[in-house]
PDB file of N, CA and C in Angstrom:
ATOM      1  N   UNK A   1     171.538 269.280 -78.337  1.00  0.00           N
ATOM      2  CA  UNK A   1     171.466 269.382 -80.148  1.00  0.00           C
ATOM      3  C   UNK A   1     172.503 268.974 -80.137  1.00  0.00           C
ATOM      4  N   UNK A   2     173.118 268.603 -81.239  1.00  0.00           N
ATOM      5  CA  UNK A   2     173.953 269.490 -82.892  1.00  0.00           C
ATOM      6  C   UNK A   2     174.774 269.861 -82.163  1.00  0.00           C
ATOM      7  N   UNK A   3     176.019 269.840 -82.311  1.00  0.00           N
ATOM      8  CA  UNK A   3     177.135 270.676 -82.712  1.00  0.00           C
ATOM      9  C   UNK A   3     177.482 271.935 -83.955  1.00  0.00           C
ATOM     10  N   UNK A   4     177.588 272.743 -84.732  1.00  0.00           N
ATOM     11  CA  UNK A   4     177.282 273.198 -85.573  1.00  0.00           C
ATOM     12  C   UNK A   4     178.033 272.712 -86.419  1.00  0.00           C
ATOM     13  N   UNK A   5     178.749 273.103 -87.325  1.00  0.00           N
ATOM     14  CA  UNK A   5     179.783 272.325 -88.423  1.00  0.00           C
ATOM     15  C   UNK A   5     180.501 273.446 -89.277  1.00  0.00           C
ATOM     16  N   UNK A   6     181.597 274.510 -88.893  1.00  0.00           N
ATOM     17  CA  UNK A   6     181.176 275.766 -90.245  1.00  0.00           C
ATOM     18  C   UNK A   6     182.569 275.626 -90.356  1.00  0.00           C
ATOM     19  N   UNK A   7     182.963 275.801 -92.385  1.00  0.00           N
ATOM     20  CA  UNK A   7     183.643 276.340 -92.826  1.00  0.00           C
ATOM     21  C   UNK A   7     184.075 277.994 -92.634  1.00  0.00           C
ATOM     22  N   UNK A   8     185.947 277.390 -91.317  1.00  0.00           N
ATOM     23  CA  UNK A   8     186.492 278.788 -90.730  1.00  0.00           C
ATOM     24  C   UNK A   8     186.464 279.977 -91.595  1.00  0.00           C
ATOM     25  N   UNK A   9     186.068 279.980 -92.571  1.00  0.00           N
ATOM     26  CA  UNK A   9     186.016 280.970 -93.464  1.00  0.00           C
ATOM     27  C   UNK A   9     184.987 281.860 -93.312  1.00  0.00           C
ATOM     28  N   UNK A  10     183.464 281.558 -93.467  1.00  0.00           N
ATOM     29  CA  UNK A  10     183.063 281.829 -92.915  1.00  0.00           C
ATOM     30  C   UNK A  10     182.367 282.506 -91.554  1.00  0.00           C
ATOM     31  N   UNK A  11     183.247 282.400 -90.730  1.00  0.00           N
ATOM     32  CA  UNK A  11     182.877 283.239 -89.513  1.00  0.00           C
ATOM     33  C   UNK A  11     184.131 284.672 -89.193  1.00  0.00           C
ATOM     34  N   UNK A  12     184.369 284.872 -87.955  1.00  0.00           N
ATOM     35  CA  UNK A  12     184.789 286.535 -88.015  1.00  0.00           C
ATOM     36  C   UNK A  12     185.328 285.776 -86.785  1.00  0.00           C
ATOM     37  N   UNK A  13     186.739 286.093 -86.048  1.00  0.00           N
ATOM     38  CA  UNK A  13     187.914 285.734 -85.217  1.00  0.00           C
ATOM     39  C   UNK A  13     188.613 286.525 -84.921  1.00  0.00           C
ATOM     40  N   UNK A  14     188.998 286.561 -83.421  1.00  0.00           N
ATOM     41  CA  UNK A  14     189.702 287.965 -83.035  1.00  0.00           C
ATOM     42  C   UNK A  14     190.033 287.399 -82.202  1.00  0.00           C
ATOM     43  N   UNK A  15     190.725 288.361 -80.405  1.00  0.00           N
ATOM     44  CA  UNK A  15     191.443 287.622 -79.737  1.00  0.00           C
ATOM     45  C   UNK A  15     191.024 289.272 -78.786  1.00  0.00           C
ATOM     46  N   UNK A  16     190.804 288.444 -78.020  1.00  0.00           N
ATOM     47  CA  UNK A  16     190.087 288.976 -76.502  1.00  0.00           C
ATOM     48  C   UNK A  16     190.797 288.792 -74.897  1.00  0.00           C
ATOM     49  N   UNK A  17     190.581 289.580 -74.423  1.00  0.00           N
ATOM     50  CA  UNK A  17     191.566 289.053 -73.272  1.00  0.00           C
ATOM     51  C   UNK A  17     190.520 288.667 -72.019  1.00  0.00           C
ATOM     52  N   UNK A  18     190.574 287.987 -70.548  1.00  0.00           N
ATOM     53  CA  UNK A  18     189.614 287.930 -69.536  1.00  0.00           C
ATOM     54  C   UNK A  18     191.028 287.051 -68.449  1.00  0.00           C
ATOM     55  N   UNK A  19     190.518 286.276 -67.721  1.00  0.00           N
ATOM     56  CA  UNK A  19     191.651 286.043 -66.627  1.00  0.00           C
ATOM     57  C   UNK A  19     193.401 286.099 -67.061  1.00  0.00           C
ATOM     58  N   UNK A  20     193.377 287.204 -67.423  1.00  0.00           N
ATOM     59  CA  UNK A  20     194.803 287.303 -67.743  1.00  0.00           C
ATOM     60  C   UNK A  20     196.035 287.309 -68.659  1.00  0.00           C
ATOM     61  N   UNK A  21     194.635 286.485 -69.552  1.00  0.00           N
ATOM     62  CA  UNK A  21     195.914 285.043 -70.384  1.00  0.00           C
ATOM     63  C   UNK A  21     194.013 286.056 -71.543  1.00  0.00           C
ATOM     64  N   UNK A  22     195.019 286.605 -72.936  1.00  0.00           N
ATOM     65  CA  UNK A  22     194.332 286.474 -74.496  1.00  0.00           C
ATOM     66  C   UNK A  22     193.933 285.163 -75.066  1.00  0.00           C
ATOM     67  N   UNK A  23     193.082 285.709 -75.443  1.00  0.00           N
ATOM     68  CA  UNK A  23     191.999 284.048 -76.194  1.00  0.00           C
ATOM     69  C   UNK A  23     191.246 284.831 -77.291  1.00  0.00           C
ATOM     70  N   UNK A  24     191.495 282.738 -78.026  1.00  0.00           N
ATOM     71  CA  UNK A  24     190.484 283.759 -80.032  1.00  0.00           C
ATOM     72  C   UNK A  24     189.941 283.632 -79.680  1.00  0.00           C
ATOM     73  N   UNK A  25     189.107 284.520 -80.048  1.00  0.00           N
ATOM     74  CA  UNK A  25     186.856 285.203 -79.923  1.00  0.00           C
ATOM     75  C   UNK A  25     186.715 284.777 -82.183  1.00  0.00           C
ATOM     76  N   UNK A  26     184.775 283.590 -81.476  1.00  0.00           N
ATOM     77  CA  UNK A  26     184.435 283.245 -82.418  1.00  0.00           C
ATOM     78  C   UNK A  26     183.187 284.393 -82.634  1.00  0.00           C
ATOM     79  N   UNK A  27     183.532 285.071 -83.305  1.00  0.00           N
ATOM     80  CA  UNK A  27     181.471 285.578 -83.615  1.00  0.00           C
ATOM     81  C   UNK A  27     180.787 284.926 -85.155  1.00  0.00           C
ATOM     82  N   UNK A  28     179.565 284.266 -84.731  1.00  0.00           N
ATOM     83  CA  UNK A  28     178.509 282.910 -85.480  1.00  0.00           C
ATOM     84  C   UNK A  28     178.140 283.630 -85.511  1.00  0.00           C
ATOM     85  N   UNK A  29     177.377 283.783 -86.176  1.00  0.00           N
ATOM     86  CA  UNK A  29     174.691 284.902 -85.790  1.00  0.00           C
ATOM     87  C   UNK A  29     174.881 284.989 -84.739  1.00  0.00           C
ATOM     88  N   UNK A  30     175.359 286.672 -84.840  1.00  0.00           N
ATOM     89  CA  UNK A  30     175.888 287.521 -83.608  1.00  0.00           C
ATOM     90  C   UNK A  30     175.721 286.262 -82.317  1.00  0.00           C
ATOM     91  N   UNK A  31     176.381 285.106 -81.533  1.00  0.00           N
ATOM     92  CA  UNK A  31     176.875 285.295 -80.724  1.00  0.00           C
ATOM     93  C   UNK A  31     178.169 285.145 -80.761  1.00  0.00           C
ATOM     94  N   UNK A  32     179.230 285.020 -79.204  1.00  0.00           N
ATOM     95  CA  UNK A  32     180.445 284.614 -80.023  1.00  0.00           C
ATOM     96  C   UNK A  32     181.158 283.636 -79.095  1.00  0.00           C
ATOM     97  N   UNK A  33     181.406 282.692 -78.800  1.00  0.00           N
ATOM     98  CA  UNK A  33     182.514 282.224 -79.417  1.00  0.00           C
ATOM     99  C   UNK A  33     183.869 282.135 -78.222  1.00  0.00           C
ATOM    100  N   UNK A  34     184.659 280.983 -77.160  1.00  0.00           N
ATOM    101  CA  UNK A  34     185.897 281.208 -77.002  1.00  0.00           C
ATOM    102  C   UNK A  34     186.137 279.966 -77.589  1.00  0.00           C
ATOM    103  N   UNK A  35     187.885 280.280 -78.345  1.00  0.00           N
ATOM    104  CA  UNK A  35     188.299 278.935 -78.249  1.00  0.00           C
ATOM    105  C   UNK A  35     188.747 278.121 -77.042  1.00  0.00           C
ATOM    106  N   UNK A  36     188.397 276.231 -77.506  1.00  0.00           N
ATOM    107  CA  UNK A  36     188.737 275.707 -76.076  1.00  0.00           C
ATOM    108  C   UNK A  36     189.542 274.393 -77.331  1.00  0.00           C
ATOM    109  N   UNK A  37     190.288 274.604 -78.146  1.00  0.00           N
ATOM    110  CA  UNK A  37     190.861 273.737 -78.829  1.00  0.00           C
ATOM    111  C   UNK A  37     190.983 274.559 -80.462  1.00  0.00           C
ATOM    112  N   UNK A  38     192.438 273.708 -80.436  1.00  0.00           N
ATOM    113  CA  UNK A  38     192.734 273.329 -82.144  1.00  0.00           C
ATOM    114  C   UNK A  38     193.621 272.303 -81.888  1.00  0.00           C
ATOM    115  N   UNK A  39     193.573 271.503 -83.673  1.00  0.00           N
ATOM    116  CA  UNK A  39     193.417 271.089 -83.598  1.00  0.00           C
ATOM    117  C   UNK A  39     193.884 270.177 -85.465  1.00  0.00           C
ATOM    118  N   UNK A  40     194.965 269.208 -85.908  1.00  0.00           N
ATOM    119  CA  UNK A  40     195.360 268.991 -86.791  1.00  0.00           C
ATOM    120  C   UNK A  40     193.975 268.720 -87.756  1.00  0.00           C
ATOM    121  N   UNK A  41     194.025 269.134 -88.543  1.00  0.00           N
ATOM    122  CA  UNK A  41     192.082 268.719 -89.853  1.00  0.00           C
ATOM    123  C   UNK A  41     192.186 267.331 -89.471  1.00  0.00           C
ATOM    124  N   UNK A  42     193.406 266.286 -90.007  1.00  0.00           N
ATOM    125  CA  UNK A  42     193.515 265.445 -89.854  1.00  0.00           C
ATOM    126  C   UNK A  42     192.569 265.036 -89.353  1.00  0.00           C
ATOM    127  N   UNK A  43     192.083 265.468 -87.660  1.00  0.00           N
ATOM    128  CA  UNK A  43     191.046 264.924 -86.236  1.00  0.00           C
ATOM    129  C   UNK A  43     190.077 265.417 -86.185  1.00  0.00           C
ATOM    130  N   UNK A  44     189.535 265.438 -87.730  1.00  0.00           N
ATOM    131  CA  UNK A  44     188.231 265.912 -88.149  1.00  0.00           C
ATOM    132  C   UNK A  44     186.777 265.796 -87.127  1.00  0.00           C
ATOM    133  N   UNK A  45     186.903 264.271 -87.902  1.00  0.00           N
ATOM    134  CA  UNK A  45     185.987 263.335 -86.578  1.00  0.00           C
ATOM    135  C   UNK A  45     186.385 263.346 -85.471  1.00  0.00           C
ATOM    136  N   UNK A  46     187.056 263.501 -85.373  1.00  0.00           N
ATOM    137  CA  UNK A  46     187.880 262.523 -83.959  1.00  0.00           C
ATOM    138  C   UNK A  46     187.195 264.172 -82.455  1.00  0.00           C
ATOM    139  N   UNK A  47     187.393 265.239 -83.204  1.00  0.00           N
ATOM    140  CA  UNK A  47     186.955 266.478 -82.235  1.00  0.00           C
ATOM    141  C   UNK A  47     185.025 266.544 -82.403  1.00  0.00           C
ATOM    142  N   UNK A  48     184.805 266.503 -84.213  1.00  0.00           N
ATOM    143  CA  UNK A  48     183.532 265.881 -83.594  1.00  0.00           C
ATOM    144  C   UNK A  48     182.788 265.685 -82.848  1.00  0.00           C
ATOM    145  N   UNK A  49     183.390 264.042 -82.722  1.00  0.00           N
ATOM    146  CA  UNK A  49     182.448 263.308 -82.079  1.00  0.00           C
ATOM    147  C   UNK A  49     182.517 264.005 -80.344  1.00  0.00           C
ATOM    148  N   UNK A  50     183.918 264.566 -80.465  1.00  0.00           N
ATOM    149  CA  UNK A  50     184.235 265.089 -78.717  1.00  0.00           C
ATOM    150  C   UNK A  50     183.431 266.511 -77.905  1.00  0.00           C
ATOM    151  N   UNK A  51     183.196 267.102 -79.338  1.00  0.00           N
ATOM    152  CA  UNK A  51     182.245 267.793 -79.294  1.00  0.00           C
ATOM    153  C   UNK A  51     180.918 266.765 -79.508  1.00  0.00           C
ATOM    154  N   UNK A  52     180.770 266.643 -79.307  1.00  0.00           N
ATOM    155  CA  UNK A  52     178.964 265.566 -79.390  1.00  0.00           C
ATOM    156  C   UNK A  52     179.313 265.270 -77.853  1.00  0.00           C
ATOM    157  N   UNK A  53     179.830 264.669 -77.351  1.00  0.00           N
ATOM    158  CA  UNK A  53     179.465 264.356 -76.292  1.00  0.00           C
ATOM    159  C   UNK A  53     178.843 265.224 -75.185  1.00  0.00           C
ATOM    160  N   UNK A  54     180.070 266.857 -75.305  1.00  0.00           N
ATOM    161  CA  UNK A  54     180.069 267.082 -74.624  1.00  0.00           C
ATOM    162  C   UNK A  54     178.292 268.539 -75.806  1.00  0.00           C
ATOM    163  N   UNK A  55     178.152 268.118 -75.510  1.00  0.00           N
ATOM    164  CA  UNK A  55     177.101 268.851 -76.733  1.00  0.00           C
ATOM    165  C   UNK A  55     176.031 267.666 -75.043  1.00  0.00           C
ATOM    166  N   UNK A  56     176.158 266.719 -74.994  1.00  0.00           N
ATOM    167  CA  UNK A  56     175.086 266.559 -74.620  1.00  0.00           C
ATOM    168  C   UNK A  56     174.813 267.010 -73.462  1.00  0.00           C
ATOM    169  N   UNK A  57     175.988 267.518 -73.345  1.00  0.00           N
ATOM    170  CA  UNK A  57     176.272 268.431 -71.579  1.00  0.00           C
ATOM    171  C   UNK A  57     175.446 269.453 -70.795  1.00  0.00           C
ATOM    172  N   UNK A  58     174.618 269.990 -72.400  1.00  0.00           N
ATOM    173  CA  UNK A  58     173.882 271.112 -73.050  1.00  0.00           C
ATOM    174  C   UNK A  58     174.943 272.244 -72.768  1.00  0.00           C
ATOM    175  N   UNK A  59     175.920 271.782 -73.580  1.00  0.00           N
ATOM    176  CA  UNK A  59     177.199 273.270 -73.882  1.00  0.00           C
ATOM    177  C   UNK A  59     176.471 272.877 -75.299  1.00  0.00           C
ATOM    178  N   UNK A  60     176.917 274.956 -75.809  1.00  0.00           N
ATOM    179  CA  UNK A  60     176.036 275.270 -77.453  1.00  0.00           C
ATOM    180  C   UNK A  60     178.199 275.293 -77.175  1.00  0.00           C
ATOM    181  N   UNK A  61     178.234 274.100 -78.747  1.00  0.00           N
ATOM    182  CA  UNK A  61     179.861 273.504 -78.997  1.00  0.00           C
ATOM    183  C   UNK A  61     179.463 274.270 -80.722  1.00  0.00           C
ATOM    184  N   UNK A  62     180.408 274.540 -81.472  1.00  0.00           N
ATOM    185  CA  UNK A  62     180.438 275.434 -82.933  1.00  0.00           C
ATOM    186  C   UNK A  62     181.909 274.507 -82.777  1.00  0.00           C
ATOM    187  N   UNK A  63     182.584 273.900 -83.897  1.00  0.00           N
ATOM    188  CA  UNK A  63     183.483 273.077 -84.594  1.00  0.00           C
ATOM    189  C   UNK A  63     183.998 273.757 -86.610  1.00  0.00           C
ATOM    190  N   UNK A  64     184.896 273.796 -86.256  1.00  0.00           N
ATOM    191  CA  UNK A  64     185.762 275.155 -87.366  1.00  0.00           C
ATOM    192  C   UNK A  64     186.590 274.401 -87.827  1.00  0.00           C
ATOM    193  N   UNK A  65     187.034 274.664 -89.750  1.00  0.00           N
ATOM    194  CA  UNK A  65     187.530 273.348 -89.893  1.00  0.00           C
ATOM    195  C   UNK A  65     187.934 274.409 -91.782  1.00  0.00           C
ATOM    196  N   UNK A  66     189.658 273.879 -90.652  1.00  0.00           N
ATOM    197  CA  UNK A  66     190.118 275.344 -92.286  1.00  0.00           C
ATOM    198  C   UNK A  66     190.686 273.802 -93.612  1.00  0.00           C
ATOM    199  N   UNK A  67     191.742 273.540 -94.320  1.00  0.00           N
ATOM    200  CA  UNK A  67     191.475 272.609 -94.664  1.00  0.00           C
ATOM    201  C   UNK A  67     193.878 272.594 -93.513  1.00  0.00           C
ATOM    202  N   UNK A  68     194.559 272.634 -92.760  1.00  0.00           N
ATOM    203  CA  UNK A  68     194.898 272.435 -92.072  1.00  0.00           C
ATOM    204  C   UNK A  68     194.137 272.332 -91.052  1.00  0.00           C
ATOM    205  N   UNK A  69     193.528 273.085 -90.226  1.00  0.00           N
ATOM    206  CA  UNK A  69     192.862 272.948 -88.910  1.00  0.00           C
ATOM    207  C   UNK A  69     191.435 272.653 -88.572  1.00  0.00           C
ATOM    208  N   UNK A  70     191.799 272.015 -87.690  1.00  0.00           N
ATOM    209  CA  UNK A  70     190.346 272.017 -86.777  1.00  0.00           C
ATOM    210  C   UNK A  70     189.832 272.918 -85.853  1.00  0.00           C
ATOM    211  N   UNK A  71     188.574 273.932 -84.690  1.00  0.00           N
ATOM    212  CA  UNK A  71     189.048 274.363 -84.113  1.00  0.00           C
ATOM    213  C   UNK A  71     187.424 273.931 -83.411  1.00  0.00           C
ATOM    214  N   UNK A  72     187.384 274.166 -82.008  1.00  0.00           N
ATOM    215  CA  UNK A  72     186.260 273.649 -81.013  1.00  0.00           C
ATOM    216  C   UNK A  72     186.133 274.160 -80.150  1.00  0.00           C
ATOM    217  N   UNK A  73     185.035 275.581 -80.970  1.00  0.00           N
ATOM    218  CA  UNK A  73     184.345 276.400 -80.424  1.00  0.00           C
ATOM    219  C   UNK A  73     183.479 276.315 -78.854  1.00  0.00           C
ATOM    220  N   UNK A  74     183.319 277.894 -77.705  1.00  0.00           N
ATOM    221  CA  UNK A  74     181.896 277.363 -76.600  1.00  0.00           C
ATOM    222  C   UNK A  74     181.286 278.758 -76.090  1.00  0.00           C
ATOM    223  N   UNK A  75     179.712 278.394 -76.715  1.00  0.00           N
ATOM    224  CA  UNK A  75     179.803 279.902 -76.757  1.00  0.00           C
ATOM    225  C   UNK A  75     179.994 280.381 -75.012  1.00  0.00           C
ATOM    226  N   UNK A  76     180.279 281.770 -75.220  1.00  0.00           N
ATOM    227  CA  UNK A  76     180.262 282.244 -74.512  1.00  0.00           C
ATOM    228  C   UNK A  76     179.610 282.287 -73.605  1.00  0.00           C
ATOM    229  N   UNK A  77     178.453 282.665 -73.893  1.00  0.00           N
ATOM    230  CA  UNK A  77     177.204 282.403 -72.933  1.00  0.00           C
ATOM    231  C   UNK A  77     177.123 281.654 -71.819  1.00  0.00           C
ATOM    232  N   UNK A  78     177.451 280.108 -71.745  1.00  0.00           N
ATOM    233  CA  UNK A  78     177.486 279.476 -71.559  1.00  0.00           C
ATOM    234  C   UNK A  78     178.384 279.005 -70.310  1.00  0.00           C
ATOM    235  N   UNK A  79     178.072 278.886 -69.377  1.00  0.00           N
ATOM    236  CA  UNK A  79     178.332 278.862 -67.884  1.00  0.00           C
ATOM    237  C   UNK A  79     179.646 278.064 -67.928  1.00  0.00           C
ATOM    238  N   UNK A  80     178.753 276.279 -68.955  1.00  0.00           N
ATOM    239  CA  UNK A  80     180.633 275.693 -67.907  1.00  0.00           C
ATOM    240  C   UNK A  80     182.026 276.439 -68.878  1.00  0.00           C
ATOM    241  N   UNK A  81     181.780 276.899 -70.277  1.00  0.00           N
ATOM    242  CA  UNK A  81     182.808 277.500 -70.800  1.00  0.00           C
ATOM    243  C   UNK A  81     183.243 278.368 -69.853  1.00  0.00           C
ATOM    244  N   UNK A  82     182.762 278.910 -69.161  1.00  0.00           N
ATOM    245  CA  UNK A  82     182.790 280.761 -68.948  1.00  0.00           C
ATOM    246  C   UNK A  82     183.961 280.162 -67.784  1.00  0.00           C
ATOM    247  N   UNK A  83     183.875 278.642 -66.735  1.00  0.00           N
ATOM    248  CA  UNK A  83     184.306 278.118 -66.058  1.00  0.00           C
ATOM    249  C   UNK A  83     185.352 278.537 -66.087  1.00  0.00           C
ATOM    250  N   UNK A  84     185.491 276.715 -67.385  1.00  0.00           N
ATOM    251  CA  UNK A  84     186.889 276.661 -68.216  1.00  0.00           C
ATOM    252  C   UNK A  84     188.117 278.122 -68.506  1.00  0.00           C
ATOM    253  N   UNK A  85     187.345 279.154 -69.045  1.00  0.00           N
ATOM    254  CA  UNK A  85     188.302 280.342 -69.178  1.00  0.00           C
ATOM    255  C   UNK A  85     188.593 280.176 -67.143  1.00  0.00           C
ATOM    256  N   UNK A  86     187.996 280.551 -66.894  1.00  0.00           N
ATOM    257  CA  UNK A  86     188.929 281.031 -64.873  1.00  0.00           C
ATOM    258  C   UNK A  86     189.897 280.143 -64.870  1.00  0.00           C
ATOM    259  N   UNK A  87     189.760 278.816 -65.570  1.00  0.00           N
ATOM    260  CA  UNK A  87     189.951 277.959 -64.469  1.00  0.00           C
ATOM    261  C   UNK A  87     190.988 277.036 -65.830  1.00  0.00           C
ATOM    262  N   UNK A  88     191.969 277.433 -66.758  1.00  0.00           N
ATOM    263  CA  UNK A  88     191.814 277.377 -68.806  1.00  0.00           C
ATOM    264  C   UNK A  88     192.934 275.345 -67.839  1.00  0.00           C
ATOM    265  N   UNK A  89     192.582 275.055 -66.308  1.00  0.00           N
ATOM    266  CA  UNK A  89     194.083 274.089 -65.984  1.00  0.00           C
ATOM    267  C   UNK A  89     193.117 273.753 -66.328  1.00  0.00           C
ATOM    268  N   UNK A  90     191.893 273.424 -66.322  1.00  0.00           N
ATOM    269  CA  UNK A  90     190.638 272.027 -66.163  1.00  0.00           C
ATOM    270  C   UNK A  90     190.522 272.097 -67.768  1.00  0.00           C
ATOM    271  N   UNK A  91     190.794 273.096 -68.507  1.00  0.00           N
ATOM    272  CA  UNK A  91     189.548 272.414 -69.881  1.00  0.00           C
ATOM    273  C   UNK A  91     191.062 270.244 -70.381  1.00  0.00           C
ATOM    274  N   UNK A  92     189.703 269.038 -70.993  1.00  0.00           N
ATOM    275  CA  UNK A  92     190.931 268.158 -71.020  1.00  0.00           C
ATOM    276  C   UNK A  92     189.984 267.952 -72.400  1.00  0.00           C
ATOM    277  N   UNK A  93     190.407 268.577 -73.421  1.00  0.00           N
ATOM    278  CA  UNK A  93     190.794 267.637 -74.328  1.00  0.00           C
ATOM    279  C   UNK A  93     190.999 266.520 -74.740  1.00  0.00           C
ATOM    280  N   UNK A  94     190.948 265.291 -74.080  1.00  0.00           N
ATOM    281  CA  UNK A  94     192.012 263.919 -73.482  1.00  0.00           C
ATOM    282  C   UNK A  94     190.584 262.747 -74.367  1.00  0.00           C
ATOM    283  N   UNK A  95     189.345 263.632 -74.811  1.00  0.00           N
ATOM    284  CA  UNK A  95     187.980 262.410 -74.639  1.00  0.00           C
ATOM    285  C   UNK A  95     188.125 262.498 -76.771  1.00  0.00           C
ATOM    286  N   UNK A  96     189.183 263.767 -76.935  1.00  0.00           N
ATOM    287  CA  UNK A  96     189.981 263.587 -78.303  1.00  0.00           C
ATOM    288  C   UNK A  96     190.304 262.006 -78.810  1.00  0.00           C
ATOM    289  N   UNK A  97     191.644 261.353 -78.062  1.00  0.00           N
ATOM    290  CA  UNK A  97     192.279 260.937 -78.596  1.00  0.00           C
ATOM    291  C   UNK A  97     192.976 260.403 -77.217  1.00  0.00           C
ATOM    292  N   UNK A  98     194.914 259.533 -77.321  1.00  0.00           N
ATOM    293  CA  UNK A  98     195.914 260.366 -77.010  1.00  0.00           C
ATOM    294  C   UNK A  98     196.780 260.882 -78.651  1.00  0.00           C
ATOM    295  N   UNK A  99     195.794 259.701 -79.191  1.00  0.00           N
ATOM    296  CA  UNK A  99     197.010 260.431 -80.864  1.00  0.00           C
ATOM    297  C   UNK A  99     196.691 262.144 -81.393  1.00  0.00           C
ATOM    298  N   UNK A 100     195.640 262.974 -80.611  1.00  0.00           N
ATOM    299  CA  UNK A 100     194.918 263.963 -80.841  1.00  0.00           C
ATOM    300  C   UNK A 100     195.574 265.034 -80.811  1.00  0.00           C
ATOM    301  N   UNK A 101     196.807 265.215 -81.148  1.00  0.00           N
ATOM    302  CA  UNK A 101     197.490 266.492 -80.513  1.00  0.00           C
ATOM    303  C   UNK A 101     196.820 267.767 -81.115  1.00  0.00           C
ATOM    304  N   UNK A 102     197.121 268.466 -80.387  1.00  0.00           N
ATOM    305  CA  UNK A 102     196.472 270.442 -80.172  1.00  0.00           C
ATOM    306  C   UNK A 102     197.610 270.818 -80.812  1.00  0.00           C
ATOM    307  N   UNK A 103     197.638 271.991 -81.431  1.00  0.00           N
ATOM    308  CA  UNK A 103     197.868 272.667 -82.154  1.00  0.00           C
ATOM    309  C   UNK A 103     197.805 274.373 -80.978  1.00  0.00           C
ATOM    310  N   UNK A 104     199.345 274.855 -81.463  1.00  0.00           N
ATOM    311  CA  UNK A 104     198.725 276.485 -80.691  1.00  0.00           C
ATOM    312  C   UNK A 104     197.393 277.141 -81.204  1.00  0.00           C
ATOM    313  N   UNK A 105     197.126 277.050 -80.178  1.00  0.00           N
ATOM    314  CA  UNK A 105     195.324 278.282 -80.504  1.00  0.00           C
ATOM    315  C   UNK A 105     196.662 279.534 -80.546  1.00  0.00           C
TER     316      UNK A 105
END
């Protein structure tokens, strides 16, 4: 299943506490998501390609975009996303490319 792409103004973004850290969350159509990464908008196509690769592994993803930022979100129901939250050092956004720098979460 391909990742959903949304304008960031169409979603509700909030903060939540998990594993002694504050995370960004997002609600869309009664589904809760956690931010996996945030990137400059100029890297939107690379973020989408990475999301497509991850989606091949049955990870439920959404990409949101604003004029300045592109964000990758994973469903909080997804076991892979839960593992990433529990072990943030395992988050590998290197799929994107060496030139695709992340922005502050």
